[in-house]
Amino acid sequence: MKHILSTFCLMAAVAAPVAAQEADQESAQATVRDSAKMVKPMLPEVPMREIKGRVYDNATKQPTAGISVSAFNDARYAAMTDEKGDYVIRVPEYVTSLWMRGDGYNSLQVPLGKGNGSVDAYIFSDAFNPVYTTSGAATSERTVAVDYNTNEISIDGQIQNKLGADIHSITRSGVPGMGVAMFMNGLNSLNTNAQPLVVIDGVITDMRLSAPSVHDGFFNNLLANIMVEDIEKIRVLKNGTAIYGAKGANGVILIETKRNKSMATKIDVSIGGSYELLPKSMDMMDGEQYRIYASELIGTTGTTNNSFKFLQTNPNYYYYDVYHNNTDWQKHVYEEAFTQNYSINVQGGDDVANYNLSV
């Protein structure tokens, strides 16, 4: 009897976990089925219509794949363009427009007519300002990405080229890295200057606009101290008074440098070069020709003085060397030049810290 009771107890002990496991599996499957039923969107039963069309890149006029097409303000009715740029979407009859968006493109709202007609669209690159935005902003701003395929010493050149409609820029000189004078809200100001406030990574920068220089015409451009390859994007605020007070009355330029966004090690090497040609020079008079020209002008002034230092032809005269130079300064000032630029950027990190190094 003891052996029989032990056998029954052993069989019951083995059967109980098996039954419990089968019950847990059935319960889990039921939960999955219930969850699937809950996740399935419950679309209202309304009259529908089918819209077909093709989406093109407005610059190349070529069909664009991977563009999301949805009912405006209702993402439950959505589709995507195939490799030929074609899409087919079913939307309620009350939908009057479609919303199209894709990586590298600005969002586009396309109106719909009546019926099931074909609706083609031309989508613009995100290099242009977006026509439609998902929300309003209290400040008038614009953001552009930095182009690294250049050989520029300072970021001023890209500010002048890419933000020309937002910033009026005047080149200070032809010397590389001398920078530009920038204006947003006019040339006059109650402050010492009318140039915008420059903020680099959240830190207000004193651009030394009123600092004098020992060399006449020289300007110390602080933006030339930052490598163009280290800058990620530039943002412009035309009305920055609410954020920066009176300092932002002339506008604000926000410069953001690169930050590491991944633990994976990334190495970027940039090698650039440019060749500057000699400009066409003007024909100038030499010293002897200018003395003859100046003496003829003196005769028309009615002066009674007949002794001028520059008219003396005696080599032993004290001021002879001063007025008998024939140096062609254009040949000494203007030269052809080859500019080279090399930079290396290393990004990476781990669980402790991230790093971004450049040289």
Protein backbone atom coordinates (compact mmCIF):
# COMPACT_ATOMS: atom_id res chain seq x y z
CA MET A 1 0.00 0.00 0.00
CA LYS A 2 2.88 2.33 0.78
CA HIS A 3 4.36 1.71 -2.65
CA ILE A 4 0.99 2.31 -4.36
CA LEU A 5 0.36 5.57 -2.45
CA SER A 6 3.87 6.80 -3.27
CA THR A 7 3.31 6.12 -6.97
CA PHE A 8 0.00 8.03 -7.01
CA CYS A 9 1.58 10.98 -5.16
CA LEU A 10 4.44 11.10 -7.64
CA MET A 11 2.05 11.05 -10.63
CA ALA A 12 -0.03 13.87 -9.09
CA ALA A 13 3.10 15.97 -8.43
CA VAL A 14 4.20 15.62 -12.07
CA ALA A 15 0.75 16.23 -13.56
CA ALA A 16 0.06 19.37 -11.52
CA PRO A 17 2.91 21.53 -13.06
CA VAL A 18 2.09 20.25 -16.55
CA ALA A 19 -1.55 21.25 -16.18
CA ALA A 20 -0.56 24.59 -14.70
CA GLN A 21 1.87 25.20 -17.61
CA GLU A 22 -0.83 24.36 -20.19
CA ALA A 23 -3.24 26.70 -18.42
CA ASP A 24 -0.64 29.51 -18.42
CA GLN A 25 0.00 29.01 -22.16
CA GLU A 26 -3.72 29.16 -22.95
CA SER A 27 -4.05 32.28 -20.79
CA ALA A 28 -1.07 33.94 -22.54
CA GLN A 29 -2.44 33.13 -25.99
CA ALA A 30 -5.82 34.53 -24.98
CA THR A 31 -4.11 37.70 -23.74
CA VAL A 32 -2.22 38.07 -27.05
CA ARG A 33 -5.45 37.62 -29.01
CA ASP A 34 -7.22 40.18 -26.82
CA SER A 35 -4.30 42.61 -27.19
CA ALA A 36 -4.34 42.20 -30.96
CA LYS A 37 -8.02 42.98 -30.98
CA MET A 38 -7.40 46.07 -28.84
CA VAL A 39 -4.46 47.31 -30.99
CA LYS A 40 -6.41 46.98 -34.23
CA PRO A 41 -7.59 50.51 -35.08
CA MET A 42 -11.31 50.97 -35.05
CA LEU A 43 -11.92 53.20 -38.09
CA PRO A 44 -15.37 54.70 -38.42
CA GLU A 45 -17.60 53.34 -41.12
CA VAL A 46 -17.93 56.29 -43.48
CA PRO A 47 -18.12 56.58 -47.27
CA MET A 48 -14.61 56.13 -48.68
CA ARG A 49 -12.86 56.98 -51.93
CA GLU A 50 -9.58 55.90 -53.46
CA ILE A 51 -6.90 58.41 -54.47
CA LYS A 52 -3.98 57.51 -56.73
CA GLY A 53 -1.04 59.59 -57.81
CA ARG A 54 2.71 60.03 -58.06
CA VAL A 55 5.14 62.16 -56.07
CA TYR A 56 8.07 63.89 -57.84
CA ASP A 57 11.21 65.65 -56.65
CA ASN A 58 10.63 69.25 -57.69
CA ALA A 59 14.33 69.80 -58.50
CA THR A 60 15.01 66.71 -60.61
CA LYS A 61 11.41 66.01 -61.73
CA GLN A 62 12.08 62.34 -60.92
CA PRO A 63 9.66 60.07 -58.98
CA THR A 64 10.44 59.89 -55.27
CA ALA A 65 10.12 56.69 -53.23
CA GLY A 66 9.46 56.40 -49.50
CA ILE A 67 7.26 59.48 -49.17
CA SER A 68 4.57 59.14 -46.50
CA VAL A 69 1.09 60.14 -47.74
CA SER A 70 -1.73 60.54 -45.22
CA ALA A 71 -5.01 62.33 -44.79
CA PHE A 72 -4.42 65.85 -43.55
CA ASN A 73 -4.59 65.94 -39.75
CA ASP A 74 -5.56 62.25 -39.60
CA ALA A 75 -2.66 59.76 -39.73
CA ARG A 76 -4.99 56.75 -39.51
CA TYR A 77 -5.43 56.86 -43.28
CA ALA A 78 -1.89 56.59 -44.66
CA ALA A 79 0.14 55.10 -47.49
CA MET A 80 3.67 55.29 -48.89
CA THR A 81 5.09 55.78 -52.36
CA ASP A 82 6.77 52.78 -54.01
CA GLU A 83 10.01 52.71 -55.99
CA LYS A 84 8.22 54.37 -58.92
CA GLY A 85 6.85 57.15 -56.73
CA ASP A 86 3.25 55.88 -57.02
CA TYR A 87 0.82 55.69 -54.12
CA VAL A 88 -2.74 54.48 -53.52
CA ILE A 89 -4.65 55.65 -50.48
CA ARG A 90 -8.24 55.23 -49.29
CA VAL A 91 -9.61 58.21 -47.38
CA PRO A 92 -13.07 59.30 -46.25
CA GLU A 93 -15.00 61.48 -48.67
CA TYR A 94 -14.89 64.40 -46.24
CA VAL A 95 -11.05 64.60 -46.48
CA THR A 96 -10.14 67.63 -48.58
CA SER A 97 -6.32 67.42 -48.65
CA LEU A 98 -3.36 65.07 -48.24
CA TRP A 99 -0.24 65.56 -46.12
CA MET A 100 3.07 64.39 -47.64
CA ARG A 101 6.40 64.20 -45.89
CA GLY A 102 9.70 62.38 -46.28
CA ASP A 103 13.28 62.36 -45.09
CA GLY A 104 15.21 65.21 -46.71
CA TYR A 105 12.05 66.99 -47.91
CA ASN A 106 9.73 69.66 -46.60
CA SER A 107 6.19 68.65 -45.74
CA LEU A 108 3.59 69.40 -48.39
CA GLN A 109 -0.18 69.81 -48.22
CA VAL A 110 -1.96 68.83 -51.43
CA PRO A 111 -5.62 69.72 -52.00
CA LEU A 112 -8.10 67.12 -53.25
CA GLY A 113 -10.93 67.60 -55.67
CA LYS A 114 -14.10 65.60 -55.90
CA GLY A 115 -14.18 61.99 -57.03
CA ASN A 116 -11.38 59.45 -57.39
CA GLY A 117 -9.07 61.40 -59.68
CA SER A 118 -5.30 61.18 -59.89
CA VAL A 119 -3.37 63.60 -57.67
CA ASP A 120 0.33 64.20 -58.45
CA ALA A 121 2.59 66.30 -56.25
CA TYR A 122 6.03 67.94 -56.41
CA ILE A 123 7.90 67.93 -53.10
CA PHE A 124 10.70 70.38 -52.24
CA SER A 125 14.05 69.71 -50.56
CA ASP A 126 14.43 70.69 -46.89
CA ALA A 127 17.23 73.05 -47.98
CA PHE A 128 14.42 75.56 -48.58
CA ASN A 129 12.30 77.16 -45.91
CA PRO A 130 9.18 75.08 -45.17
CA VAL A 131 5.88 76.52 -46.34
CA TYR A 132 3.85 74.63 -43.73
CA THR A 133 4.82 74.12 -40.09
CA THR A 134 3.21 71.92 -37.48
CA SER A 135 3.25 74.70 -34.88
CA GLY A 136 3.73 78.44 -34.63
CA ALA A 137 6.78 80.14 -33.13
CA ALA A 138 7.11 83.31 -31.09
CA THR A 139 10.39 84.22 -32.82
CA SER A 140 11.22 84.71 -36.47
CA GLU A 141 14.10 82.32 -37.05
CA ARG A 142 15.89 80.26 -39.67
CA THR A 143 18.36 77.40 -39.33
CA VAL A 144 20.88 76.17 -41.92
CA ALA A 145 23.36 73.30 -41.84
CA VAL A 146 27.06 73.91 -42.44
CA ASP A 147 28.68 72.74 -45.67
CA TYR A 148 32.09 71.11 -45.07
CA ASN A 149 33.05 70.73 -48.73
CA THR A 150 34.70 74.13 -48.75
CA ASN A 151 38.10 75.57 -48.00
CA GLU A 152 36.88 78.55 -45.98
CA ILE A 153 38.84 79.82 -43.02
CA SER A 154 35.84 81.37 -41.27
CA ILE A 155 32.13 80.62 -41.14
CA ASP A 156 31.33 84.18 -42.26
CA GLY A 157 31.30 83.12 -45.90
CA GLN A 158 28.53 80.57 -45.40
CA ILE A 159 26.55 83.02 -43.29
CA GLN A 160 26.76 85.46 -46.18
CA ASN A 161 25.83 82.88 -48.84
CA LYS A 162 23.17 80.79 -47.09
CA LEU A 163 21.50 83.52 -45.01
CA GLY A 164 21.72 86.33 -47.51
CA ALA A 165 17.97 86.95 -47.37
CA ASP A 166 18.03 87.17 -43.56
CA ILE A 167 21.35 88.95 -42.95
CA HIS A 168 22.77 91.85 -44.93
CA SER A 169 26.52 91.19 -45.07
CA ILE A 170 29.36 93.44 -46.22
CA THR A 171 32.81 91.92 -46.80
CA ARG A 172 35.46 93.80 -44.83
CA SER A 173 38.31 93.10 -47.25
CA GLY A 174 39.74 90.49 -49.57
CA VAL A 175 42.06 89.11 -46.87
CA PRO A 176 41.02 85.52 -45.98
CA GLY A 177 39.43 85.24 -42.55
CA MET A 178 38.80 88.99 -42.18
CA GLY A 179 35.06 88.28 -42.03
CA VAL A 180 32.00 90.35 -42.86
CA ALA A 181 29.97 93.06 -41.19
CA MET A 182 26.46 91.71 -40.60
CA PHE A 183 23.20 93.62 -40.17
CA MET A 184 19.63 92.38 -39.66
CA ASN A 185 17.46 95.27 -38.50
CA GLY A 186 19.04 98.23 -40.20
CA LEU A 187 22.35 100.07 -39.99
CA ASN A 188 21.49 102.49 -37.18
CA SER A 189 21.21 101.62 -33.52
CA LEU A 190 21.09 103.28 -30.12
CA ASN A 191 23.84 100.87 -29.05
CA THR A 192 27.50 101.24 -30.00
CA ASN A 193 26.92 99.14 -33.13
CA ALA A 194 24.06 97.70 -35.14
CA GLN A 195 25.53 94.24 -35.68
CA PRO A 196 23.73 91.19 -34.26
CA LEU A 197 24.57 89.39 -31.05
CA VAL A 198 26.67 86.24 -31.54
CA VAL A 199 26.01 83.29 -29.21
CA ILE A 200 28.27 80.21 -29.48
CA ASP A 201 26.94 77.08 -27.74
CA GLY A 202 24.77 79.19 -25.46
CA VAL A 203 27.59 81.57 -24.46
CA ILE A 204 27.32 85.24 -25.47
CA THR A 205 30.48 86.22 -27.34
CA ASP A 206 32.04 89.68 -27.34
CA MET A 207 33.00 90.20 -30.98
CA ARG A 208 35.25 93.19 -30.10
CA LEU A 209 33.48 95.37 -32.64
CA SER A 210 34.58 98.62 -30.99
CA ALA A 211 38.14 97.54 -30.15
CA PRO A 212 40.77 99.66 -31.97
CA SER A 213 43.64 98.13 -33.91
CA VAL A 214 47.24 99.26 -34.25
CA HIS A 215 47.06 98.49 -37.98
CA ASP A 216 44.64 100.70 -39.86
CA GLY A 217 41.85 98.72 -41.48
CA PHE A 218 42.57 95.49 -39.60
CA PHE A 219 39.75 93.64 -37.83
CA ASN A 220 40.16 90.75 -35.40
CA ASN A 221 37.51 88.28 -36.54
CA LEU A 222 36.82 85.94 -33.60
CA LEU A 223 34.78 83.58 -35.80
CA ALA A 224 37.99 82.70 -37.64
CA ASN A 225 39.17 80.98 -34.43
CA ILE A 226 36.53 78.25 -34.88
CA MET A 227 37.09 75.64 -37.56
CA VAL A 228 34.26 75.44 -40.06
CA GLU A 229 34.38 71.64 -39.74
CA ASP A 230 33.58 71.97 -36.00
CA ILE A 231 30.33 73.89 -36.55
CA GLU A 232 27.14 71.86 -37.01
CA LYS A 233 24.48 74.49 -37.75
CA ILE A 234 23.71 78.19 -37.63
CA ARG A 235 20.44 79.66 -36.41
CA VAL A 236 19.26 83.25 -36.84
CA LEU A 237 16.79 85.05 -34.55
CA LYS A 238 15.55 88.31 -36.01
CA ASN A 239 13.64 89.29 -32.87
CA GLY A 240 15.73 88.08 -29.95
CA THR A 241 14.77 90.81 -27.48
CA ALA A 242 12.40 88.56 -25.51
CA ILE A 243 15.21 86.05 -24.90
CA TYR A 244 18.38 88.15 -24.73
CA GLY A 245 17.01 91.55 -23.78
CA ALA A 246 18.44 94.75 -25.26
CA LYS A 247 21.55 92.85 -26.43
CA GLY A 248 19.37 90.97 -28.92
CA ALA A 249 17.68 94.07 -30.33
CA ASN A 250 19.84 93.91 -33.46
CA GLY A 251 19.16 90.21 -33.98
CA VAL A 252 20.94 87.09 -32.74
CA ILE A 253 23.20 84.57 -34.51
CA LEU A 254 23.29 81.21 -32.73
CA ILE A 255 26.24 78.97 -33.63
CA GLU A 256 26.15 75.35 -32.48
CA THR A 257 29.29 73.24 -32.65
CA LYS A 258 29.37 69.49 -33.17
CA ARG A 259 28.38 67.12 -30.35
CA ASN A 260 28.84 63.37 -30.29
CA LYS A 261 25.54 61.51 -30.60
CA SER A 262 26.72 57.89 -30.70
CA MET A 263 29.08 55.58 -28.83
CA ALA A 264 30.42 54.20 -32.10
CA THR A 265 33.82 55.57 -33.05
CA LYS A 266 33.69 57.83 -36.11
CA ILE A 267 36.68 59.40 -37.84
CA ASP A 268 36.24 62.13 -40.45
CA VAL A 269 39.18 63.37 -42.50
CA SER A 270 38.80 66.53 -44.58
CA ILE A 271 41.41 67.64 -47.12
CA GLY A 272 40.75 70.78 -49.11
CA GLY A 273 42.59 73.05 -51.46
CA SER A 274 41.87 76.17 -53.49
CA TYR A 275 43.79 78.28 -55.98
CA GLU A 276 43.30 82.03 -56.09
CA LEU A 277 44.07 83.71 -59.38
CA LEU A 278 45.67 87.09 -59.87
CA PRO A 279 43.08 89.82 -60.56
CA LYS A 280 43.36 91.95 -63.66
CA SER A 281 45.40 95.05 -62.83
CA MET A 282 44.93 98.59 -64.06
CA ASP A 283 47.50 100.47 -66.12
CA MET A 284 49.11 103.11 -63.91
CA MET A 285 51.46 106.03 -64.60
CA ASP A 286 55.06 105.74 -63.43
CA GLY A 287 56.84 108.44 -61.46
CA GLU A 288 58.00 110.47 -64.47
CA GLN A 289 54.57 110.39 -66.14
CA TYR A 290 52.85 111.46 -62.94
CA ARG A 291 55.25 114.41 -62.44
CA ILE A 292 54.42 115.71 -65.92
CA TYR A 293 50.70 115.24 -65.27
CA ALA A 294 50.90 116.96 -61.87
CA SER A 295 52.89 119.92 -63.27
CA GLU A 296 50.22 120.44 -65.94
CA LEU A 297 47.51 120.49 -63.27
CA ILE A 298 49.49 123.03 -61.22
CA GLY A 299 49.51 125.36 -64.22
CA THR A 300 45.72 125.47 -64.14
CA THR A 301 45.51 126.51 -60.48
CA GLY A 302 46.94 130.03 -60.94
CA THR A 303 49.63 129.53 -58.29
CA THR A 304 52.71 131.77 -58.35
CA ASN A 305 54.93 129.21 -56.65
CA ASN A 306 57.43 127.78 -59.13
CA SER A 307 59.40 125.52 -56.82
CA PHE A 308 58.01 122.07 -55.91
CA LYS A 309 59.87 119.21 -54.28
CA PHE A 310 58.56 116.54 -56.68
CA LEU A 311 59.78 118.50 -59.74
CA GLN A 312 63.44 118.48 -58.64
CA THR A 313 65.56 116.31 -60.97
CA ASN A 314 68.89 116.59 -59.14
CA PRO A 315 69.85 113.12 -57.75
CA ASN A 316 71.66 114.81 -54.85
CA TYR A 317 68.51 116.60 -53.75
CA TYR A 318 67.40 115.55 -50.24
CA TYR A 319 63.83 114.59 -51.29
CA TYR A 320 64.86 113.08 -54.62
CA ASP A 321 64.33 109.45 -53.55
CA VAL A 322 60.93 110.21 -52.07
CA TYR A 323 59.48 111.52 -55.32
CA HIS A 324 61.32 109.33 -57.80
CA ASN A 325 60.06 105.87 -56.92
CA ASN A 326 58.66 103.71 -59.71
CA THR A 327 57.40 100.81 -57.57
CA ASP A 328 54.44 98.99 -59.07
CA TRP A 329 52.62 98.11 -55.86
CA GLN A 330 50.10 95.95 -57.72
CA LYS A 331 52.81 93.41 -58.47
CA HIS A 332 53.82 93.28 -54.79
CA VAL A 333 50.32 93.24 -53.28
CA TYR A 334 48.54 90.85 -55.62
CA GLU A 335 49.88 87.33 -56.00
CA GLU A 336 48.50 83.98 -57.02
CA ALA A 337 48.10 81.71 -54.01
CA PHE A 338 47.34 78.07 -53.25
CA THR A 339 45.47 77.48 -49.99
CA GLN A 340 45.47 74.10 -48.24
CA ASN A 341 43.32 72.87 -45.36
CA TYR A 342 43.60 69.59 -43.45
CA SER A 343 41.38 68.55 -40.55
CA ILE A 344 40.63 65.35 -38.62
CA ASN A 345 37.57 64.83 -36.42
CA VAL A 346 37.17 61.85 -34.07
CA GLN A 347 33.91 61.07 -32.28
CA GLY A 348 33.00 58.23 -29.95
CA GLY A 349 32.32 57.27 -26.36
CA ASP A 350 31.19 54.63 -23.91
CA ASP A 351 28.89 54.29 -20.91
CA VAL A 352 30.95 56.80 -18.95
CA ALA A 353 31.49 59.71 -21.34
CA ASN A 354 31.37 60.85 -24.97
CA TYR A 355 34.09 62.74 -26.78
CA ASN A 356 34.49 64.87 -29.89
CA LEU A 357 38.05 65.81 -30.85
CA SER A 358 39.29 67.75 -33.86
CA VAL A 359 42.59 69.10 -35.10
